[in-house]
């Protein structure tokens, strides 16, 4: 799978383990690296859907974005690079046709406030 980063900081964390640990802590940095390794190894989004990390589609104002678990409550949030997102005639996403992602943030999107 092709991976693009929306933010230079996220790309630096992906390529510099020491920086990632220093800025995110060892647990989140390790999980971030694991999730990225899973994405790089996947051919399509379908390959990710049942891996550890609970890859899931987001809803409401985040529709069109996906997330996977890091250390609770943080999630790795990403979207597809395919525009438009491939869908069937019923409007359901065609997971086998999604082969590139853009990492957009690491966030606790459930926080109050």
PDB file of N, CA and C in Angstrom:
ATOM      1  N   UNK A   1       0.853  -1.170   0.000  1.00  0.00           N
ATOM      2  CA  UNK A   1       0.000   0.000   0.000  1.00  0.00           C
ATOM      3  C   UNK A   1       0.899   1.234   0.000  1.00  0.00           C
ATOM      4  N   UNK A   2       0.499   2.221  -0.742  1.00  0.00           N
ATOM      5  CA  UNK A   2       1.222   3.489  -0.793  1.00  0.00           C
ATOM      6  C   UNK A   2       0.765   4.352   0.380  1.00  0.00           C
ATOM      7  N   UNK A   3       1.724   4.958   1.077  1.00  0.00           N
ATOM      8  CA  UNK A   3       1.401   5.804   2.228  1.00  0.00           C
ATOM      9  C   UNK A   3       1.967   7.201   2.002  1.00  0.00           C
ATOM     10  N   UNK A   4       1.120   8.189   2.207  1.00  0.00           N
ATOM     11  CA  UNK A   4       1.497   9.594   2.140  1.00  0.00           C
ATOM     12  C   UNK A   4       1.210  10.190   3.521  1.00  0.00           C
ATOM     13  N   UNK A   5       1.946  11.210   3.887  1.00  0.00           N
ATOM     14  CA  UNK A   5       1.752  11.861   5.183  1.00  0.00           C
ATOM     15  C   UNK A   5       1.280  13.292   4.968  1.00  0.00           C
ATOM     16  N   UNK A   6       0.213  13.684   5.646  1.00  0.00           N
ATOM     17  CA  UNK A   6      -0.337  15.029   5.526  1.00  0.00           C
ATOM     18  C   UNK A   6       0.507  16.048   6.287  1.00  0.00           C
ATOM     19  N   UNK A   7       1.387  15.560   7.117  1.00  0.00           N
ATOM     20  CA  UNK A   7       2.108  16.408   8.056  1.00  0.00           C
ATOM     21  C   UNK A   7       3.554  15.911   8.156  1.00  0.00           C
ATOM     22  N   UNK A   8       4.497  16.822   8.063  1.00  0.00           N
ATOM     23  CA  UNK A   8       5.929  16.456   8.130  1.00  0.00           C
ATOM     24  C   UNK A   8       6.290  15.787   9.454  1.00  0.00           C
ATOM     25  N   UNK A   9       5.635  16.206  10.527  1.00  0.00           N
ATOM     26  CA  UNK A   9       5.899  15.628  11.843  1.00  0.00           C
ATOM     27  C   UNK A   9       5.583  14.133  11.840  1.00  0.00           C
ATOM     28  N   UNK A  10       4.445  13.747  11.288  1.00  0.00           N
ATOM     29  CA  UNK A  10       4.060  12.337  11.240  1.00  0.00           C
ATOM     30  C   UNK A  10       5.026  11.540  10.380  1.00  0.00           C
ATOM     31  N   UNK A  11       5.511  12.143   9.307  1.00  0.00           N
ATOM     32  CA  UNK A  11       6.490  11.473   8.450  1.00  0.00           C
ATOM     33  C   UNK A  11       7.823  11.305   9.181  1.00  0.00           C
ATOM     34  N   UNK A  12       8.225  12.315   9.928  1.00  0.00           N
ATOM     35  CA  UNK A  12       9.470  12.212  10.710  1.00  0.00           C
ATOM     36  C   UNK A  12       9.353  11.110  11.757  1.00  0.00           C
ATOM     37  N   UNK A  13       8.207  11.020  12.436  1.00  0.00           N
ATOM     38  CA  UNK A  13       8.006   9.958  13.418  1.00  0.00           C
ATOM     39  C   UNK A  13       8.095   8.582  12.769  1.00  0.00           C
ATOM     40  N   UNK A  14       7.633   8.473  11.531  1.00  0.00           N
ATOM     41  CA  UNK A  14       7.675   7.193  10.813  1.00  0.00           C
ATOM     42  C   UNK A  14       9.101   6.788  10.457  1.00  0.00           C
ATOM     43  N   UNK A  15       9.967   7.772  10.274  1.00  0.00           N
ATOM     44  CA  UNK A  15      11.320   7.499   9.794  1.00  0.00           C
ATOM     45  C   UNK A  15      12.409   7.652  10.844  1.00  0.00           C
ATOM     46  N   UNK A  16      12.056   8.119  12.026  1.00  0.00           N
ATOM     47  CA  UNK A  16      13.051   8.336  13.084  1.00  0.00           C
ATOM     48  C   UNK A  16      12.498   7.779  14.394  1.00  0.00           C
ATOM     49  N   UNK A  17      12.864   6.532  14.694  1.00  0.00           N
ATOM     50  CA  UNK A  17      12.322   5.856  15.875  1.00  0.00           C
ATOM     51  C   UNK A  17      12.637   6.603  17.166  1.00  0.00           C
ATOM     52  N   UNK A  18      13.855   7.129  17.299  1.00  0.00           N
ATOM     53  CA  UNK A  18      14.222   7.831  18.535  1.00  0.00           C
ATOM     54  C   UNK A  18      13.373   9.087  18.727  1.00  0.00           C
ATOM     55  N   UNK A  19      13.172   9.841  17.662  1.00  0.00           N
ATOM     56  CA  UNK A  19      12.331  11.034  17.741  1.00  0.00           C
ATOM     57  C   UNK A  19      10.894  10.645  18.092  1.00  0.00           C
ATOM     58  N   UNK A  20      10.399   9.608  17.460  1.00  0.00           N
ATOM     59  CA  UNK A  20       9.037   9.157  17.719  1.00  0.00           C
ATOM     60  C   UNK A  20       8.852   8.771  19.182  1.00  0.00           C
ATOM     61  N   UNK A  21       9.797   8.023  19.741  1.00  0.00           N
ATOM     62  CA  UNK A  21       9.717   7.626  21.155  1.00  0.00           C
ATOM     63  C   UNK A  21       9.788   8.856  22.050  1.00  0.00           C
ATOM     64  N   UNK A  22      10.687   9.785  21.726  1.00  0.00           N
ATOM     65  CA  UNK A  22      10.855  10.980  22.555  1.00  0.00           C
ATOM     66  C   UNK A  22       9.586  11.841  22.559  1.00  0.00           C
ATOM     67  N   UNK A  23       8.921  11.960  21.420  1.00  0.00           N
ATOM     68  CA  UNK A  23       7.755  12.840  21.311  1.00  0.00           C
ATOM     69  C   UNK A  23       6.439  12.161  21.684  1.00  0.00           C
ATOM     70  N   UNK A  24       6.349  10.832  21.472  1.00  0.00           N
ATOM     71  CA  UNK A  24       5.076  10.148  21.684  1.00  0.00           C
ATOM     72  C   UNK A  24       5.087   9.160  22.841  1.00  0.00           C
ATOM     73  N   UNK A  25       6.262   8.814  23.337  1.00  0.00           N
ATOM     74  CA  UNK A  25       6.381   7.757  24.328  1.00  0.00           C
ATOM     75  C   UNK A  25       6.589   6.429  23.616  1.00  0.00           C
ATOM     76  N   UNK A  26       7.197   5.470  24.299  1.00  0.00           N
ATOM     77  CA  UNK A  26       7.578   4.225  23.632  1.00  0.00           C
ATOM     78  C   UNK A  26       6.384   3.390  23.189  1.00  0.00           C
ATOM     79  N   UNK A  27       5.331   3.334  23.979  1.00  0.00           N
ATOM     80  CA  UNK A  27       4.183   2.503  23.610  1.00  0.00           C
ATOM     81  C   UNK A  27       3.514   3.014  22.339  1.00  0.00           C
ATOM     82  N   UNK A  28       3.196   4.317  22.292  1.00  0.00           N
ATOM     83  CA  UNK A  28       2.536   4.872  21.111  1.00  0.00           C
ATOM     84  C   UNK A  28       3.464   4.818  19.895  1.00  0.00           C
ATOM     85  N   UNK A  29       4.743   5.096  20.094  1.00  0.00           N
ATOM     86  CA  UNK A  29       5.694   5.040  18.980  1.00  0.00           C
ATOM     87  C   UNK A  29       5.782   3.627  18.407  1.00  0.00           C
ATOM     88  N   UNK A  30       5.829   2.622  19.270  1.00  0.00           N
ATOM     89  CA  UNK A  30       5.876   1.229  18.796  1.00  0.00           C
ATOM     90  C   UNK A  30       4.608   0.848  18.038  1.00  0.00           C
ATOM     91  N   UNK A  31       3.460   1.244  18.560  1.00  0.00           N
ATOM     92  CA  UNK A  31       2.202   0.933  17.882  1.00  0.00           C
ATOM     93  C   UNK A  31       2.079   1.683  16.553  1.00  0.00           C
ATOM     94  N   UNK A  32       2.542   2.917  16.517  1.00  0.00           N
ATOM     95  CA  UNK A  32       2.539   3.708  15.281  1.00  0.00           C
ATOM     96  C   UNK A  32       3.364   2.989  14.213  1.00  0.00           C
ATOM     97  N   UNK A  33       4.554   2.562  14.591  1.00  0.00           N
ATOM     98  CA  UNK A  33       5.431   1.843  13.659  1.00  0.00           C
ATOM     99  C   UNK A  33       4.775   0.535  13.198  1.00  0.00           C
ATOM    100  N   UNK A  34       4.164  -0.197  14.117  1.00  0.00           N
ATOM    101  CA  UNK A  34       3.489  -1.452  13.766  1.00  0.00           C
ATOM    102  C   UNK A  34       2.352  -1.210  12.782  1.00  0.00           C
ATOM    103  N   UNK A  35       1.514  -0.198  13.039  1.00  0.00           N
ATOM    104  CA  UNK A  35       0.395   0.086  12.144  1.00  0.00           C
ATOM    105  C   UNK A  35       0.902   0.495  10.756  1.00  0.00           C
ATOM    106  N   UNK A  36       1.960   1.305  10.708  1.00  0.00           N
ATOM    107  CA  UNK A  36       2.513   1.689   9.412  1.00  0.00           C
ATOM    108  C   UNK A  36       3.101   0.484   8.683  1.00  0.00           C
ATOM    109  N   UNK A  37       3.798  -0.385   9.408  1.00  0.00           N
ATOM    110  CA  UNK A  37       4.343  -1.602   8.790  1.00  0.00           C
ATOM    111  C   UNK A  37       3.218  -2.457   8.211  1.00  0.00           C
ATOM    112  N   UNK A  38       2.105  -2.569   8.944  1.00  0.00           N
ATOM    113  CA  UNK A  38       0.943  -3.316   8.435  1.00  0.00           C
ATOM    114  C   UNK A  38       0.408  -2.685   7.151  1.00  0.00           C
ATOM    115  N   UNK A  39       0.343  -1.358   7.130  1.00  0.00           N
ATOM    116  CA  UNK A  39      -0.153  -0.665   5.941  1.00  0.00           C
ATOM    117  C   UNK A  39       0.784  -0.859   4.752  1.00  0.00           C
ATOM    118  N   UNK A  40       2.092  -0.723   4.998  1.00  0.00           N
ATOM    119  CA  UNK A  40       3.056  -0.910   3.911  1.00  0.00           C
ATOM    120  C   UNK A  40       2.990  -2.332   3.357  1.00  0.00           C
ATOM    121  N   UNK A  41       2.737  -3.306   4.205  1.00  0.00           N
ATOM    122  CA  UNK A  41       2.679  -4.704   3.769  1.00  0.00           C
ATOM    123  C   UNK A  41       1.373  -5.045   3.048  1.00  0.00           C
ATOM    124  N   UNK A  42       0.333  -4.287   3.294  1.00  0.00           N
ATOM    125  CA  UNK A  42      -0.982  -4.561   2.695  1.00  0.00           C
ATOM    126  C   UNK A  42      -0.985  -4.137   1.226  1.00  0.00           C
ATOM    127  N   UNK A  43      -1.728  -4.866   0.431  1.00  0.00           N
ATOM    128  CA  UNK A  43      -1.924  -4.451  -0.965  1.00  0.00           C
ATOM    129  C   UNK A  43      -3.113  -3.512  -1.084  1.00  0.00           C
ATOM    130  N   UNK A  44      -4.174  -3.803  -0.330  1.00  0.00           N
ATOM    131  CA  UNK A  44      -5.374  -2.967  -0.357  1.00  0.00           C
ATOM    132  C   UNK A  44      -5.907  -2.808   1.063  1.00  0.00           C
ATOM    133  N   UNK A  45      -6.871  -1.927   1.199  1.00  0.00           N
ATOM    134  CA  UNK A  45      -7.474  -1.712   2.508  1.00  0.00           C
ATOM    135  C   UNK A  45      -8.141  -2.982   3.032  1.00  0.00           C
ATOM    136  N   UNK A  46      -8.621  -3.814   2.144  1.00  0.00           N
ATOM    137  CA  UNK A  46      -9.241  -5.084   2.546  1.00  0.00           C
ATOM    138  C   UNK A  46      -8.276  -5.913   3.396  1.00  0.00           C
ATOM    139  N   UNK A  47      -6.986  -5.849   3.093  1.00  0.00           N
ATOM    140  CA  UNK A  47      -5.980  -6.600   3.854  1.00  0.00           C
ATOM    141  C   UNK A  47      -5.854  -6.105   5.294  1.00  0.00           C
ATOM    142  N   UNK A  48      -6.233  -4.869   5.548  1.00  0.00           N
ATOM    143  CA  UNK A  48      -6.088  -4.283   6.885  1.00  0.00           C
ATOM    144  C   UNK A  48      -7.290  -4.536   7.786  1.00  0.00           C
ATOM    145  N   UNK A  49      -8.428  -4.696   7.205  1.00  0.00           N
ATOM    146  CA  UNK A  49      -9.682  -4.645   7.959  1.00  0.00           C
ATOM    147  C   UNK A  49      -9.765  -5.599   9.141  1.00  0.00           C
ATOM    148  N   UNK A  50      -9.101  -6.735   9.082  1.00  0.00           N
ATOM    149  CA  UNK A  50      -9.206  -7.709  10.170  1.00  0.00           C
ATOM    150  C   UNK A  50      -7.910  -7.891  10.955  1.00  0.00           C
ATOM    151  N   UNK A  51      -6.965  -6.996  10.747  1.00  0.00           N
ATOM    152  CA  UNK A  51      -5.712  -7.057  11.508  1.00  0.00           C
ATOM    153  C   UNK A  51      -5.911  -6.483  12.915  1.00  0.00           C
ATOM    154  N   UNK A  52      -5.015  -6.831  13.838  1.00  0.00           N
ATOM    155  CA  UNK A  52      -5.065  -6.173  15.154  1.00  0.00           C
ATOM    156  C   UNK A  52      -4.950  -4.661  14.973  1.00  0.00           C
ATOM    157  N   UNK A  53      -5.623  -3.931  15.811  1.00  0.00           N
ATOM    158  CA  UNK A  53      -5.604  -2.481  15.726  1.00  0.00           C
ATOM    159  C   UNK A  53      -6.984  -1.907  15.467  1.00  0.00           C
ATOM    160  N   UNK A  54      -7.950  -2.793  15.217  1.00  0.00           N
ATOM    161  CA  UNK A  54      -9.343  -2.373  15.056  1.00  0.00           C
ATOM    162  C   UNK A  54      -9.482  -1.239  14.035  1.00  0.00           C
ATOM    163  N   UNK A  55      -9.099  -1.520  12.811  1.00  0.00           N
ATOM    164  CA  UNK A  55      -9.270  -0.572  11.716  1.00  0.00           C
ATOM    165  C   UNK A  55     -10.767  -0.367  11.490  1.00  0.00           C
ATOM    166  N   UNK A  56     -11.201   0.890  11.490  1.00  0.00           N
ATOM    167  CA  UNK A  56     -12.626   1.150  11.361  1.00  0.00           C
ATOM    168  C   UNK A  56     -12.889   2.496  10.697  1.00  0.00           C
ATOM    169  N   UNK A  57     -14.029   2.554  10.060  1.00  0.00           N
ATOM    170  CA  UNK A  57     -14.457   3.780   9.401  1.00  0.00           C
ATOM    171  C   UNK A  57     -15.055   4.724  10.439  1.00  0.00           C
ATOM    172  N   UNK A  58     -14.803   6.014  10.268  1.00  0.00           N
ATOM    173  CA  UNK A  58     -15.355   7.013  11.167  1.00  0.00           C
ATOM    174  C   UNK A  58     -16.664   7.561  10.584  1.00  0.00           C
ATOM    175  N   UNK A  59     -17.425   8.235  11.430  1.00  0.00           N
ATOM    176  CA  UNK A  59     -18.747   8.710  11.021  1.00  0.00           C
ATOM    177  C   UNK A  59     -18.882  10.209  11.289  1.00  0.00           C
ATOM    178  N   UNK A  60     -20.059  10.717  10.958  1.00  0.00           N
ATOM    179  CA  UNK A  60     -20.430  12.119  11.163  1.00  0.00           C
ATOM    180  C   UNK A  60     -19.449  13.052  10.457  1.00  0.00           C
ATOM    181  N   UNK A  61     -18.877  14.032  11.174  1.00  0.00           N
ATOM    182  CA  UNK A  61     -17.996  15.004  10.531  1.00  0.00           C
ATOM    183  C   UNK A  61     -16.691  14.380  10.042  1.00  0.00           C
ATOM    184  N   UNK A  62     -16.415  13.147  10.450  1.00  0.00           N
ATOM    185  CA  UNK A  62     -15.203  12.446  10.008  1.00  0.00           C
ATOM    186  C   UNK A  62     -15.493  11.380   8.947  1.00  0.00           C
ATOM    187  N   UNK A  63     -16.682  11.404   8.353  1.00  0.00           N
ATOM    188  CA  UNK A  63     -17.006  10.440   7.305  1.00  0.00           C
ATOM    189  C   UNK A  63     -15.966  10.541   6.189  1.00  0.00           C
ATOM    190  N   UNK A  64     -15.519   9.399   5.696  1.00  0.00           N
ATOM    191  CA  UNK A  64     -14.472   9.356   4.677  1.00  0.00           C
ATOM    192  C   UNK A  64     -13.084   9.192   5.274  1.00  0.00           C
ATOM    193  N   UNK A  65     -13.020   9.162   6.608  1.00  0.00           N
ATOM    194  CA  UNK A  65     -11.770   8.912   7.319  1.00  0.00           C
ATOM    195  C   UNK A  65     -11.870   7.579   8.030  1.00  0.00           C
ATOM    196  N   UNK A  66     -10.714   6.982   8.303  1.00  0.00           N
ATOM    197  CA  UNK A  66     -10.624   5.731   9.042  1.00  0.00           C
ATOM    198  C   UNK A  66      -9.654   5.923  10.192  1.00  0.00           C
ATOM    199  N   UNK A  67      -9.736   5.010  11.145  1.00  0.00           N
ATOM    200  CA  UNK A  67      -8.837   5.062  12.290  1.00  0.00           C
ATOM    201  C   UNK A  67      -8.446   3.651  12.699  1.00  0.00           C
ATOM    202  N   UNK A  68      -7.327   3.562  13.396  1.00  0.00           N
ATOM    203  CA  UNK A  68      -6.936   2.317  14.047  1.00  0.00           C
ATOM    204  C   UNK A  68      -6.357   2.688  15.403  1.00  0.00           C
ATOM    205  N   UNK A  69      -6.426   1.758  16.317  1.00  0.00           N
ATOM    206  CA  UNK A  69      -6.017   2.008  17.691  1.00  0.00           C
ATOM    207  C   UNK A  69      -4.506   2.127  17.831  1.00  0.00           C
ATOM    208  N   UNK A  70      -4.111   3.087  18.657  1.00  0.00           N
ATOM    209  CA  UNK A  70      -2.743   3.159  19.156  1.00  0.00           C
ATOM    210  C   UNK A  70      -2.878   2.865  20.652  1.00  0.00           C
ATOM    211  N   UNK A  71      -2.239   3.667  21.504  1.00  0.00           N
ATOM    212  CA  UNK A  71      -2.458   3.489  22.938  1.00  0.00           C
ATOM    213  C   UNK A  71      -3.705   4.276  23.320  1.00  0.00           C
ATOM    214  N   UNK A  72      -4.562   3.667  24.114  1.00  0.00           N
ATOM    215  CA  UNK A  72      -5.841   4.268  24.466  1.00  0.00           C
ATOM    216  C   UNK A  72      -5.635   5.610  25.134  1.00  0.00           C
ATOM    217  N   UNK A  73      -6.323   6.651  24.730  1.00  0.00           N
ATOM    218  CA  UNK A  73      -7.426   6.734  23.784  1.00  0.00           C
ATOM    219  C   UNK A  73      -7.007   7.218  22.386  1.00  0.00           C
ATOM    220  N   UNK A  74      -5.720   7.154  22.057  1.00  0.00           N
ATOM    221  CA  UNK A  74      -5.235   7.716  20.792  1.00  0.00           C
ATOM    222  C   UNK A  74      -5.453   6.775  19.618  1.00  0.00           C
ATOM    223  N   UNK A  75      -5.755   7.403  18.464  1.00  0.00           N
ATOM    224  CA  UNK A  75      -5.982   6.674  17.224  1.00  0.00           C
ATOM    225  C   UNK A  75      -5.101   7.265  16.122  1.00  0.00           C
ATOM    226  N   UNK A  76      -4.723   6.409  15.198  1.00  0.00           N
ATOM    227  CA  UNK A  76      -4.057   6.845  13.977  1.00  0.00           C
ATOM    228  C   UNK A  76      -5.171   7.060  12.956  1.00  0.00           C
ATOM    229  N   UNK A  77      -5.293   8.269  12.440  1.00  0.00           N
ATOM    230  CA  UNK A  77      -6.391   8.621  11.554  1.00  0.00           C
ATOM    231  C   UNK A  77      -5.850   8.829  10.145  1.00  0.00           C
ATOM    232  N   UNK A  78      -6.549   8.257   9.185  1.00  0.00           N
ATOM    233  CA  UNK A  78      -6.094   8.329   7.794  1.00  0.00           C
ATOM    234  C   UNK A  78      -7.286   8.338   6.850  1.00  0.00           C
ATOM    235  N   UNK A  79      -7.008   8.676   5.630  1.00  0.00           N
ATOM    236  CA  UNK A  79      -8.008   8.682   4.573  1.00  0.00           C
ATOM    237  C   UNK A  79      -7.389   8.032   3.343  1.00  0.00           C
ATOM    238  N   UNK A  80      -8.189   7.805   2.335  1.00  0.00           N
ATOM    239  CA  UNK A  80      -7.654   7.236   1.104  1.00  0.00           C
ATOM    240  C   UNK A  80      -7.089   8.358   0.238  1.00  0.00           C
ATOM    241  N   UNK A  81      -6.147   7.995  -0.628  1.00  0.00           N
ATOM    242  CA  UNK A  81      -5.681   8.955  -1.623  1.00  0.00           C
ATOM    243  C   UNK A  81      -6.552   8.891  -2.873  1.00  0.00           C
ATOM    244  N   UNK A  82      -7.323   7.813  -3.018  1.00  0.00           N
ATOM    245  CA  UNK A  82      -8.208   7.688  -4.175  1.00  0.00           C
ATOM    246  C   UNK A  82      -9.315   8.734  -4.086  1.00  0.00           C
ATOM    247  N   UNK A  83      -9.511   9.463  -5.167  1.00  0.00           N
ATOM    248  CA  UNK A  83     -10.576  10.458  -5.239  1.00  0.00           C
ATOM    249  C   UNK A  83     -11.315  10.265  -6.542  1.00  0.00           C
ATOM    250  N   UNK A  84     -12.604  10.018  -6.526  1.00  0.00           N
ATOM    251  CA  UNK A  84     -13.401   9.756  -5.334  1.00  0.00           C
ATOM    252  C   UNK A  84     -13.092   8.375  -4.759  1.00  0.00           C
ATOM    253  N   UNK A  85     -13.532   8.148  -3.534  1.00  0.00           N
ATOM    254  CA  UNK A  85     -13.353   6.839  -2.913  1.00  0.00           C
ATOM    255  C   UNK A  85     -14.193   5.840  -3.706  1.00  0.00           C
ATOM    256  N   UNK A  86     -13.593   4.724  -4.139  1.00  0.00           N
ATOM    257  CA  UNK A  86     -14.343   3.745  -4.942  1.00  0.00           C
ATOM    258  C   UNK A  86     -15.548   3.186  -4.186  1.00  0.00           C
ATOM    259  N   UNK A  87     -16.710   3.233  -4.845  1.00  0.00           N
ATOM    260  CA  UNK A  87     -17.938   2.701  -4.258  1.00  0.00           C
ATOM    261  C   UNK A  87     -18.676   1.854  -5.294  1.00  0.00           C
ATOM    262  N   UNK A  88     -19.525   0.956  -4.794  1.00  0.00           N
ATOM    263  CA  UNK A  88     -20.367   0.160  -5.687  1.00  0.00           C
ATOM    264  C   UNK A  88     -21.664   0.928  -5.960  1.00  0.00           C
ATOM    265  N   UNK A  89     -22.581   0.310  -6.671  1.00  0.00           N
ATOM    266  CA  UNK A  89     -23.823   1.013  -7.032  1.00  0.00           C
ATOM    267  C   UNK A  89     -24.707   1.331  -5.828  1.00  0.00           C
ATOM    268  N   UNK A  90     -24.462   0.646  -4.707  1.00  0.00           N
ATOM    269  CA  UNK A  90     -25.215   0.918  -3.479  1.00  0.00           C
ATOM    270  C   UNK A  90     -24.525   1.952  -2.590  1.00  0.00           C
ATOM    271  N   UNK A  91     -23.381   2.487  -3.040  1.00  0.00           N
ATOM    272  CA  UNK A  91     -22.656   3.482  -2.268  1.00  0.00           C
ATOM    273  C   UNK A  91     -21.714   2.910  -1.222  1.00  0.00           C
ATOM    274  N   UNK A  92     -21.542   1.596  -1.201  1.00  0.00           N
ATOM    275  CA  UNK A  92     -20.617   0.968  -0.244  1.00  0.00           C
ATOM    276  C   UNK A  92     -19.201   1.029  -0.800  1.00  0.00           C
ATOM    277  N   UNK A  93     -18.237   1.252   0.091  1.00  0.00           N
ATOM    278  CA  UNK A  93     -16.846   1.328  -0.341  1.00  0.00           C
ATOM    279  C   UNK A  93     -16.370  -0.016  -0.876  1.00  0.00           C
ATOM    280  N   UNK A  94     -15.563   0.044  -1.916  1.00  0.00           N
ATOM    281  CA  UNK A  94     -14.963  -1.159  -2.497  1.00  0.00           C
ATOM    282  C   UNK A  94     -13.547  -1.257  -1.944  1.00  0.00           C
ATOM    283  N   UNK A  95     -13.404  -1.995  -0.856  1.00  0.00           N
ATOM    284  CA  UNK A  95     -12.149  -2.072  -0.115  1.00  0.00           C
ATOM    285  C   UNK A  95     -10.991  -2.572  -0.978  1.00  0.00           C
ATOM    286  N   UNK A  96     -11.262  -3.474  -1.915  1.00  0.00           N
ATOM    287  CA  UNK A  96     -10.210  -4.033  -2.770  1.00  0.00           C
ATOM    288  C   UNK A  96      -9.635  -3.015  -3.747  1.00  0.00           C
ATOM    289  N   UNK A  97     -10.303  -1.894  -3.931  1.00  0.00           N
ATOM    290  CA  UNK A  97      -9.830  -0.866  -4.853  1.00  0.00           C
ATOM    291  C   UNK A  97      -9.141   0.299  -4.138  1.00  0.00           C
ATOM    292  N   UNK A  98      -8.993   0.193  -2.831  1.00  0.00           N
ATOM    293  CA  UNK A  98      -8.307   1.242  -2.069  1.00  0.00           C
ATOM    294  C   UNK A  98      -6.898   0.744  -1.774  1.00  0.00           C
ATOM    295  N   UNK A  99      -5.916   1.356  -2.441  1.00  0.00           N
ATOM    296  CA  UNK A  99      -4.542   0.867  -2.316  1.00  0.00           C
ATOM    297  C   UNK A  99      -3.559   1.943  -1.875  1.00  0.00           C
ATOM    298  N   UNK A 100      -4.068   3.070  -1.427  1.00  0.00           N
ATOM    299  CA  UNK A 100      -3.178   4.125  -0.944  1.00  0.00           C
ATOM    300  C   UNK A 100      -3.885   4.920   0.156  1.00  0.00           C
ATOM    301  N   UNK A 101      -3.126   5.296   1.147  1.00  0.00           N
ATOM    302  CA  UNK A 101      -3.687   6.052   2.267  1.00  0.00           C
ATOM    303  C   UNK A 101      -2.864   7.300   2.534  1.00  0.00           C
ATOM    304  N   UNK A 102      -3.492   8.250   3.176  1.00  0.00           N
ATOM    305  CA  UNK A 102      -2.809   9.439   3.652  1.00  0.00           C
ATOM    306  C   UNK A 102      -3.002   9.500   5.160  1.00  0.00           C
ATOM    307  N   UNK A 103      -1.912   9.466   5.892  1.00  0.00           N
ATOM    308  CA  UNK A 103      -1.940   9.580   7.350  1.00  0.00           C
ATOM    309  C   UNK A 103      -2.180  11.044   7.670  1.00  0.00           C
ATOM    310  N   UNK A 104      -3.275  11.327   8.395  1.00  0.00           N
ATOM    311  CA  UNK A 104      -3.594  12.733   8.636  1.00  0.00           C
ATOM    312  C   UNK A 104      -3.355  13.210  10.067  1.00  0.00           C
ATOM    313  N   UNK A 105      -3.453  12.289  11.045  1.00  0.00           N
ATOM    314  CA  UNK A 105      -3.174  12.735  12.417  1.00  0.00           C
ATOM    315  C   UNK A 105      -3.168  11.568  13.396  1.00  0.00           C
ATOM    316  N   UNK A 106      -2.616  11.851  14.549  1.00  0.00           N
ATOM    317  CA  UNK A 106      -2.734  10.982  15.719  1.00  0.00           C
ATOM    318  C   UNK A 106      -3.542  11.807  16.707  1.00  0.00           C
ATOM    319  N   UNK A 107      -4.680  11.261  17.120  1.00  0.00           N
ATOM    320  CA  UNK A 107      -5.621  12.091  17.873  1.00  0.00           C
ATOM    321  C   UNK A 107      -6.468  11.257  18.823  1.00  0.00           C
ATOM    322  N   UNK A 108      -6.889  11.888  19.900  1.00  0.00           N
ATOM    323  CA  UNK A 108      -7.957  11.363  20.742  1.00  0.00           C
ATOM    324  C   UNK A 108      -9.202  12.110  20.313  1.00  0.00           C
ATOM    325  N   UNK A 109      -9.956  11.566  19.351  1.00  0.00           N
ATOM    326  CA  UNK A 109     -11.119  12.270  18.838  1.00  0.00           C
ATOM    327  C   UNK A 109     -12.349  12.118  19.722  1.00  0.00           C
ATOM    328  N   UNK A 110     -12.240  11.396  20.818  1.00  0.00           N
ATOM    329  CA  UNK A 110     -13.360  11.259  21.750  1.00  0.00           C
ATOM    330  C   UNK A 110     -13.280  12.247  22.908  1.00  0.00           C
ATOM    331  N   UNK A 111     -12.226  13.059  22.933  1.00  0.00           N
ATOM    332  CA  UNK A 111     -12.049  13.968  24.070  1.00  0.00           C
ATOM    333  C   UNK A 111     -13.183  14.956  24.182  1.00  0.00           C
ATOM    334  N   UNK A 112     -13.437  15.367  25.375  1.00  0.00           N
ATOM    335  CA  UNK A 112     -14.495  16.347  25.654  1.00  0.00           C
ATOM    336  C   UNK A 112     -13.993  17.726  25.278  1.00  0.00           C
ATOM    337  N   UNK A 113     -14.904  18.567  24.876  1.00  0.00           N
ATOM    338  CA  UNK A 113     -14.483  19.912  24.772  1.00  0.00           C
ATOM    339  C   UNK A 113     -14.670  20.622  23.551  1.00  0.00           C
TER     340      UNK A 113
END
